[in-house]
Protein backbone atom coordinates (compact mmCIF):
# COMPACT_ATOMS: atom_id res chain seq x y z
CA MET A 1 -0.14 0.12 0.05
CA ALA A 2 3.01 2.35 0.73
CA LYS A 3 4.51 1.65 -2.64
CA SER A 4 0.90 2.40 -4.44
CA ARG A 5 0.86 5.75 -2.48
CA ILE A 6 4.28 6.83 -3.40
CA CYS A 7 3.79 5.99 -7.29
CA TYR A 8 0.51 8.01 -6.66
CA GLY A 9 2.01 10.83 -5.16
CA ILE A 10 4.75 10.68 -7.89
CA TRP A 11 2.28 10.91 -10.57
CA PHE A 12 -0.07 13.62 -9.19
CA LEU A 13 3.13 16.05 -8.81
CA LEU A 14 3.73 15.28 -12.38
CA THR A 15 0.45 15.88 -13.66
CA LEU A 16 0.26 19.09 -11.65
CA LEU A 17 3.65 20.34 -12.56
CA LEU A 18 2.64 19.78 -16.26
CA TYR A 19 -0.51 21.95 -15.95
CA LEU A 20 1.50 24.67 -14.31
CA TRP A 21 3.90 24.48 -17.05
CA SER A 22 1.59 24.24 -19.87
CA ASP A 23 -1.75 25.95 -18.49
CA SER A 24 -3.87 23.53 -20.82
CA TRP A 25 -7.07 22.34 -20.31
CA THR A 26 -5.73 18.47 -21.07
CA ALA A 27 -3.56 19.20 -18.07
CA LEU A 28 -5.84 20.14 -15.88
CA PHE A 29 -8.18 17.37 -16.79
CA LEU A 30 -5.39 14.83 -15.81
CA VAL A 31 -5.13 16.84 -12.28
CA ALA A 32 -8.64 16.76 -11.57
CA ALA A 33 -8.96 12.97 -12.78
CA THR A 34 -6.06 12.08 -10.40
CA VAL A 35 -7.78 13.77 -7.67
CA LEU A 36 -11.45 12.08 -8.24
CA LEU A 37 -9.79 8.45 -8.47
CA ALA A 38 -8.09 9.00 -5.16
CA VAL A 39 -11.52 10.17 -3.89
CA PHE A 40 -13.38 7.13 -5.38
CA GLY A 41 -10.84 4.78 -4.21
CA LYS A 42 -11.41 6.27 -0.68
CA ILE A 43 -15.25 5.79 -0.93
CA SER A 44 -15.29 2.62 -2.49
CA VAL A 45 -13.28 1.34 0.53
CA LEU A 46 -15.67 2.63 3.12
CA LEU A 47 -18.46 0.87 1.35
CA MET A 48 -16.46 -2.48 1.40
CA LYS A 49 -16.90 -2.51 5.35
CA LYS A 50 -18.24 -5.16 6.94
CA LYS A 51 -19.46 -6.68 3.53
CA VAL A 52 -16.71 -9.89 3.61
CA GLU A 53 -18.00 -13.20 5.56
CA CYS A 54 -15.39 -16.01 6.06
CA THR A 55 -15.76 -19.40 6.82
CA PHE A 56 -13.72 -22.52 7.19
CA GLU A 57 -13.63 -25.90 5.60
CA ILE A 58 -10.90 -28.07 7.23
CA ARG A 59 -9.94 -31.50 7.29
CA ARG A 60 -10.35 -32.40 10.91
CA MET A 61 -7.62 -34.92 11.53
CA THR A 62 -4.15 -35.66 10.30
CA SER A 63 -1.01 -37.01 11.67
CA LYS A 64 2.41 -35.36 12.55
CA LYS A 65 4.31 -33.83 9.75
CA LYS A 66 1.32 -34.41 7.40
CA PRO A 67 -0.39 -31.43 5.86
CA ILE A 68 -3.51 -29.98 7.35
CA ARG A 69 -5.52 -28.85 4.14
CA GLY A 70 -8.48 -26.52 4.37
CA VAL A 71 -10.44 -24.03 2.59
CA LEU A 72 -10.96 -20.37 3.31
CA CYS A 73 -14.56 -19.19 1.74
CA MET A 74 -14.87 -15.66 1.44
CA THR A 75 -18.34 -14.26 0.67
CA ASN A 76 -18.53 -10.76 -0.71
CA ARG A 77 -22.14 -9.63 0.30
CA GLY A 78 -21.64 -5.99 -1.08
CA PHE A 79 -22.57 -4.45 -4.72
CA LEU A 80 -19.17 -3.66 -5.40
CA PRO A 81 -16.42 -6.03 -6.45
CA ILE A 82 -13.18 -6.16 -4.23
CA PRO A 83 -10.19 -6.03 -6.23
CA LYS A 84 -7.93 -7.42 -3.40
CA ALA A 85 -8.95 -9.02 -0.23
CA GLY A 86 -6.06 -10.06 2.51
CA CYS A 87 -6.42 -12.33 5.42
CA ARG A 88 -4.31 -12.87 8.19
CA LEU A 89 -4.59 -16.62 9.86
CA ARG A 90 -3.14 -17.34 13.15
CA ILE A 91 -2.26 -20.75 13.70
CA GLU A 92 -1.77 -21.77 17.19
CA ASN A 93 -0.94 -25.56 18.70
CA MET A 94 -3.07 -25.12 22.03
CA MET A 95 -1.02 -27.84 23.55
CA THR A 96 2.52 -26.42 22.89
CA GLY A 97 1.72 -23.06 22.59
CA GLU A 98 3.37 -22.89 19.07
CA THR A 99 1.97 -20.13 16.95
CA GLN A 100 2.53 -19.16 13.15
CA THR A 101 0.85 -16.90 10.66
CA GLN A 102 -0.27 -17.29 7.05
CA PHE A 103 -1.43 -14.46 4.84
CA LEU A 104 -4.06 -15.28 1.97
CA TYR A 105 -5.06 -12.96 -0.92
CA CYS A 106 -7.66 -13.09 -3.69
CA SER A 107 -10.40 -10.70 -5.29
CA LEU A 108 -13.86 -10.79 -4.52
CA PRO A 109 -16.46 -10.13 -7.21
CA ALA A 110 -19.98 -8.71 -6.14
CA ALA A 111 -22.11 -11.01 -4.52
CA ARG A 112 -19.88 -13.94 -4.79
CA THR A 113 -18.13 -16.37 -2.72
CA GLU A 114 -14.44 -17.31 -3.37
CA ARG A 115 -12.79 -20.24 -2.04
CA VAL A 116 -8.82 -20.14 -0.95
CA ASP A 117 -6.88 -23.11 -0.42
CA TRP A 118 -4.55 -23.38 2.31
CA GLU A 119 -2.50 -26.11 4.23
CA LEU A 120 -0.03 -26.26 7.03
CA LYS A 121 2.07 -28.88 8.95
CA SER A 122 2.87 -29.50 12.50
CA SER A 123 5.80 -31.78 14.01
CA TYR A 124 3.73 -32.17 17.22
CA CYS A 125 0.67 -33.28 18.22
CA GLY A 126 -2.04 -30.86 19.50
CA ASN A 127 -5.28 -29.46 18.76
CA ILE A 128 -4.45 -26.76 16.26
CA ARG A 129 -6.72 -23.52 16.35
CA ILE A 130 -6.97 -21.46 12.96
CA THR A 131 -8.36 -17.92 13.22
CA VAL A 132 -8.86 -15.33 11.06
CA ASP A 133 -6.98 -12.65 12.71
CA SER A 134 -7.61 -9.82 10.43
CA LEU A 135 -9.23 -9.15 7.05
CA ARG A 136 -7.89 -6.00 4.99
CA CYS A 137 -10.19 -4.99 1.77
CA PHE A 138 -8.25 -2.86 -0.83
CA ASP A 139 -9.17 -0.21 -3.26
CA VAL A 140 -8.47 -0.75 -7.10
CA PHE A 141 -5.23 1.41 -6.97
CA GLY A 142 -4.02 -0.32 -3.55
CA MET A 143 -3.70 3.10 -1.89
CA PHE A 144 -6.59 2.77 0.52
CA SER A 145 -7.82 -0.24 2.67
CA VAL A 146 -10.22 -1.08 5.31
CA LYS A 147 -9.39 -3.45 7.96
CA GLU A 148 -12.06 -5.74 10.04
CA MET A 149 -11.40 -8.50 12.78
CA PRO A 150 -13.80 -11.35 12.11
CA GLU A 151 -12.41 -13.86 14.41
CA THR A 152 -13.61 -16.65 12.43
CA LYS A 153 -11.98 -19.69 13.97
CA GLY A 154 -11.67 -23.33 12.79
CA GLN A 155 -9.89 -26.33 14.42
CA ALA A 156 -7.98 -29.53 13.57
CA ILE A 157 -6.45 -32.24 15.38
CA VAL A 158 -3.04 -33.69 14.91
CA LEU A 159 -2.91 -36.91 16.17
CA PRO A 160 -0.52 -38.05 18.86
CA ASP A 161 1.71 -41.46 17.93
CA ILE A 162 0.56 -43.90 20.44
CA PHE A 163 3.29 -46.30 21.05
CA PRO A 164 3.07 -49.85 22.83
CA THR A 165 3.57 -49.77 26.27
CA GLU A 166 3.29 -52.87 28.93
CA VAL A 167 1.88 -51.79 32.26
CA VAL A 168 2.47 -54.45 34.92
CA ILE A 169 0.20 -54.00 37.98
CA THR A 170 1.61 -55.83 41.06
CA GLU A 171 -0.70 -58.08 43.10
CA SER A 172 -1.11 -55.68 45.96
CA ASN A 173 -3.25 -53.48 43.72
CA THR A 174 -5.12 -55.97 42.00
CA ALA A 175 -6.44 -58.10 44.43
CA ASN A 176 -10.18 -57.01 43.76
CA TRP A 177 -10.71 -54.11 41.61
CA GLU A 178 -14.19 -53.64 42.67
CA SER A 179 -13.31 -53.09 46.21
CA VAL A 180 -11.78 -50.78 48.53
CA THR A 181 -8.61 -51.12 50.05
CA TYR A 182 -6.64 -49.35 53.05
CA SER A 183 -3.79 -47.05 53.32
CA SER A 184 -1.01 -48.79 55.36
CA VAL A 185 0.75 -45.57 56.27
CA LYS A 186 -1.96 -43.08 57.04
CA LYS A 187 -5.00 -43.56 59.54
CA GLY A 188 -8.41 -42.26 58.70
CA ASP A 189 -12.17 -42.39 59.85
CA ASP A 190 -13.45 -45.70 58.28
CA PRO A 191 -14.62 -47.94 61.10
CA SER A 192 -14.62 -50.78 58.92
CA GLU A 193 -11.12 -51.51 59.43
CA ILE A 194 -8.67 -50.85 62.29
CA PHE A 195 -5.44 -48.87 61.26
CA GLY A 196 -3.95 -49.81 65.01
CA ILE A 197 -4.26 -49.53 68.73
CA ARG A 198 -2.91 -46.80 71.09
CA GLU A 199 -3.51 -45.68 74.85
CA TYR A 200 -6.46 -43.62 75.75
CA MET A 201 -5.83 -39.67 75.54
CA PRO A 202 -8.37 -37.26 76.91
CA GLY A 203 -10.29 -35.93 74.23
CA ASP A 204 -10.69 -39.45 72.41
CA SER A 205 -14.03 -40.20 71.34
CA LEU A 206 -15.77 -42.85 73.55
CA LYS A 207 -16.84 -44.78 70.68
CA SER A 208 -13.31 -45.52 69.52
CA ILE A 209 -12.67 -47.01 72.70
CA HIS A 210 -11.51 -50.61 72.54
CA TRP A 211 -13.41 -52.26 75.33
CA LYS A 212 -12.49 -55.85 74.92
CA LEU A 213 -8.77 -55.09 75.14
CA SER A 214 -8.90 -52.45 77.82
CA GLY A 215 -10.78 -55.09 79.78
CA LYS A 216 -8.10 -57.49 79.57
CA LEU A 217 -5.35 -54.73 80.36
CA ASP A 218 -7.21 -52.59 83.08
CA GLU A 219 -6.40 -49.58 80.71
CA LEU A 220 -8.15 -47.68 78.25
CA TYR A 221 -7.26 -48.20 74.48
CA VAL A 222 -8.67 -46.54 71.63
CA LYS A 223 -9.02 -47.72 68.18
CA GLU A 224 -7.26 -45.89 65.05
CA LEU A 225 -9.31 -46.17 62.10
CA SER A 226 -8.26 -46.77 58.79
CA LEU A 227 -8.12 -44.56 55.82
CA PRO A 228 -9.84 -45.85 52.33
CA VAL A 229 -8.28 -45.64 49.31
CA GLU A 230 -9.51 -46.59 45.70
CA ASN A 231 -8.29 -49.53 44.23
CA SER A 232 -7.65 -47.77 40.97
CA ILE A 233 -5.09 -45.88 39.11
CA LEU A 234 -4.50 -42.47 38.26
CA VAL A 235 -2.61 -40.94 35.31
CA VAL A 236 -1.52 -37.24 36.07
CA TYR A 237 -0.15 -35.11 33.26
CA GLU A 238 1.41 -32.04 34.62
CA THR A 239 0.29 -28.52 32.82
CA GLY A 240 2.16 -26.24 35.28
CA ILE A 241 5.14 -24.59 33.95
CA LEU A 242 7.63 -25.11 37.05
CA GLY A 243 10.98 -23.85 35.51
CA GLU A 244 12.12 -20.28 34.47
CA LYS A 245 11.06 -21.23 30.91
CA PRO A 246 7.90 -23.26 29.22
CA GLU A 247 9.25 -26.69 28.29
CA LYS A 248 10.10 -27.07 24.38
CA SER A 249 7.28 -28.22 22.17
CA CYS A 250 9.00 -31.76 21.82
CA VAL A 251 8.75 -32.30 25.47
CA ARG A 252 5.34 -31.35 25.93
CA ASP A 253 4.55 -33.62 22.76
CA ALA A 254 6.47 -36.41 24.20
CA MET A 255 4.59 -36.26 27.62
CA MET A 256 1.17 -36.10 26.01
CA GLU A 257 1.97 -39.41 24.08
CA ALA A 258 3.53 -41.02 27.22
CA PHE A 259 -0.08 -39.77 29.02
CA LEU A 260 -2.15 -41.24 26.08
CA SER A 261 -0.13 -44.24 25.76
CA VAL A 262 -0.25 -45.50 28.97
CA SER A 263 -3.81 -44.83 29.25
CA GLN A 264 -4.44 -46.85 26.16
CA SER A 265 -2.20 -49.83 27.42
CA LEU A 266 -4.32 -49.77 30.53
CA ILE A 267 -7.65 -49.94 28.74
CA GLU A 268 -6.43 -52.95 26.76
CA ASN A 269 -5.54 -54.58 29.76
CA GLY A 270 -8.94 -53.85 31.72
CA HIS A 271 -7.49 -51.98 34.37
CA ILE A 272 -9.68 -49.31 35.84
CA HIS A 273 -8.03 -45.90 35.92
CA ALA A 274 -8.58 -42.15 35.53
CA LEU A 275 -6.79 -39.33 33.92
CA GLY A 276 -6.03 -36.15 35.86
CA TRP A 277 -4.78 -32.63 35.05
CA TYR A 278 -4.88 -29.19 36.37
CA ASP A 279 -7.09 -27.05 34.13
CA GLN A 280 -5.34 -23.69 33.94
CA LYS A 281 -8.03 -21.87 32.38
CA LYS A 282 -10.88 -23.09 34.81
CA GLU A 283 -8.46 -23.27 37.68
CA ARG A 284 -9.46 -26.57 39.21
CA PHE A 285 -8.12 -29.87 38.97
CA THR A 286 -9.83 -32.15 36.56
CA CYS A 287 -10.02 -35.84 36.84
CA GLU A 288 -11.69 -38.15 34.43
CA GLU A 289 -12.59 -41.88 34.29
CA VAL A 290 -11.72 -43.88 31.12
CA PRO A 291 -13.02 -47.03 31.01
CA THR A 292 -13.14 -47.77 26.98
CA GLU A 293 -11.12 -46.70 23.99
CA ASP A 294 -14.14 -45.16 22.88
CA ASP A 295 -14.19 -42.79 26.02
CA LEU A 296 -10.50 -42.04 25.54
CA ALA A 297 -11.36 -41.11 21.76
CA ALA A 298 -13.95 -38.90 22.86
CA MET A 299 -11.91 -36.83 25.13
CA LEU A 300 -8.94 -36.77 22.62
CA GLY A 301 -9.97 -33.36 21.23
CA GLY A 302 -10.01 -31.85 24.84
CA LEU A 303 -6.87 -33.48 26.10
CA LEU A 304 -4.81 -32.26 23.00
CA ALA A 305 -5.99 -28.44 23.93
CA ILE A 306 -4.85 -28.71 27.58
CA ARG A 307 -2.56 -25.56 27.85
CA PRO A 308 0.24 -25.50 30.08
CA GLY A 309 0.37 -22.28 32.58
CA VAL A 310 2.36 -20.56 35.44
CA ASN A 311 0.72 -20.18 38.76
CA GLY A 312 3.39 -21.41 40.88
CA TYR A 313 2.05 -24.64 41.95
CA SER A 314 2.34 -28.25 40.65
CA THR A 315 -0.68 -30.35 39.37
CA LEU A 316 -0.04 -32.77 42.57
CA HIS A 317 -0.59 -29.61 44.83
CA TYR A 318 -4.04 -29.18 43.32
CA TYR A 319 -4.85 -32.98 43.54
CA LEU A 320 -3.61 -32.97 47.05
CA GLN A 321 -6.29 -30.08 47.64
CA ASP A 322 -9.26 -32.09 46.23
CA TYR A 323 -8.71 -35.52 46.58
CA ILE A 324 -6.80 -35.90 49.85
CA GLU A 325 -9.84 -37.46 51.95
CA ASN A 326 -10.43 -40.18 48.96
CA PRO A 327 -7.10 -40.60 47.01
CA PHE A 328 -6.26 -43.46 44.43
CA ALA A 329 -4.32 -46.41 45.32
CA HIS A 330 -1.54 -45.65 42.73
CA ILE A 331 -0.63 -42.54 40.74
CA LEU A 332 1.48 -42.33 37.56
CA TYR A 333 2.74 -38.74 37.38
CA ILE A 334 4.20 -37.51 34.15
CA THR A 335 6.24 -34.16 34.50
CA ALA A 336 9.28 -32.43 32.76
CA HIS A 337 10.72 -31.40 36.43
CA GLN A 338 11.52 -32.71 39.45
CA PRO A 339 8.48 -33.26 42.01
CA GLY A 340 8.71 -31.07 45.04
CA ALA A 341 7.41 -31.60 48.75
CA GLU A 342 4.21 -32.62 47.32
CA LEU A 343 5.38 -36.10 46.21
CA ASP A 344 6.70 -36.81 49.64
CA ARG A 345 3.38 -35.73 51.18
CA LEU A 346 1.40 -37.95 48.16
CA MET A 347 3.40 -41.01 49.08
CA GLN A 348 1.99 -40.93 52.83
CA PHE A 349 -1.27 -41.91 50.99
CA CYS A 350 -0.61 -43.93 48.02
CA THR A 351 2.22 -45.01 45.91
CA VAL A 352 3.40 -42.94 43.12
CA SER A 353 5.43 -43.77 39.96
CA VAL A 354 7.13 -40.64 38.48
CA LEU A 355 7.77 -40.46 34.68
CA LEU A 356 10.22 -37.64 34.14
CA CYS A 357 10.70 -36.34 30.66
CA ARG A 358 13.83 -34.79 29.49
CA GLU A 359 14.65 -32.88 26.21
CA LYS A 360 18.15 -34.93 26.17
CA LEU A 361 19.20 -37.65 28.28
CA SER A 362 22.93 -37.75 29.21
CA GLU A 363 24.70 -41.03 28.97
CA ARG A 364 24.85 -41.23 33.22
CA GLU A 365 20.93 -40.47 33.06
CA GLN A 366 20.16 -43.28 30.79
CA GLU A 367 22.20 -45.91 32.63
CA ALA A 368 20.87 -44.61 36.06
CA GLN A 369 18.43 -46.43 37.85
CA GLY A 370 16.76 -44.08 40.32
CA THR A 371 13.34 -43.64 41.90
CA HIS A 372 12.02 -41.80 38.70
CA LEU A 373 11.85 -43.27 35.18
CA LEU A 374 13.59 -41.07 32.98
CA PHE A 375 12.49 -40.58 29.38
CA SER A 376 13.09 -38.31 26.33
CA PRO A 377 11.55 -37.55 22.98
CA ASP A 378 14.09 -39.62 21.25
CA ASN A 379 13.92 -42.85 23.45
CA MET A 380 10.22 -42.82 25.18
CA GLU A 381 9.13 -45.76 22.97
CA GLU A 382 12.29 -47.72 24.69
CA ALA A 383 12.24 -46.42 27.88
CA LEU A 384 8.39 -46.89 28.68
CA CYS A 385 8.09 -50.13 26.97
CA GLN A 386 7.42 -51.68 30.31
CA LEU A 387 6.04 -50.10 33.66
CA ILE A 388 5.54 -51.84 37.07
CA VAL A 389 2.99 -50.16 39.19
């Protein structure tokens, strides 16, 4: 547009100089025509305002590194043709936070719809949101334009690469999947199971006195009640940005693929489990049971749109707030950072397996046999081929 205005200004000066030098009617006509054309261009642009509608036609799903193809349909509802219309597309992977921009241009005849093809690729899985960030219509000379913000949106899913992993459940957690087990390290308030016996202290409830034992020992003893825990598994995906910088897209991609692959394996082996994460937008811990593959498929679009965020706390912190009274028997925690004090507190109630994702693993880390299972985007299929819960 700046180039068109410069050219117009040069032309106008030349016609004006020609008129001043020749003082002819022809030169005057050229000056007048030049001014009128600019006025016409400005008026035509104003008449184009709010006359264009945009809609998307998108192929909804694709695999990583394969093109997402779509069509932007632009409809001119006005009575004037639009010589040039330009759209700026903002493309965002809601899971990784990656953004990119594309520009599309076409001319729009009056009362007609034009279809503009576009495509993009993503190296990472996620829910891709495509937005018409701005729309600009130009006059025939390209000197004037009018800008609109239609905010037309579309979505496409880049599917994760689910890999096979064998999740081995130890006998202590599989005795009866429809029953309730009790914590061996934390007392609670369930009278159906006794956690321990201790001497009576002032303030203890009379209902908790163990009368039979007290009668034998001639001293008052009370029963400490057990804490029930659900005999099932929770797979937790860390959404907090706990480091100085957000995790790289490859790390988020690997974490999500591990999250979904573990869930898929548990479903295939008939193990009851739920998926948990902290919803940064709604500011609450979310827990969804996933009994079948159909349920996992129905959740996929939402899971691939989970945004990471910074609020100073880990997902385990919010889990402890909401589920401390009714914890799961075992937690598989997928994160990119070393867990803090929340992990120590959580292990008082249940067993926790930590799957720790790094961008790159050193040789020492690859050989290390620590309490956390380390994996990276490059070796996760090998590192997570078997998990013992």
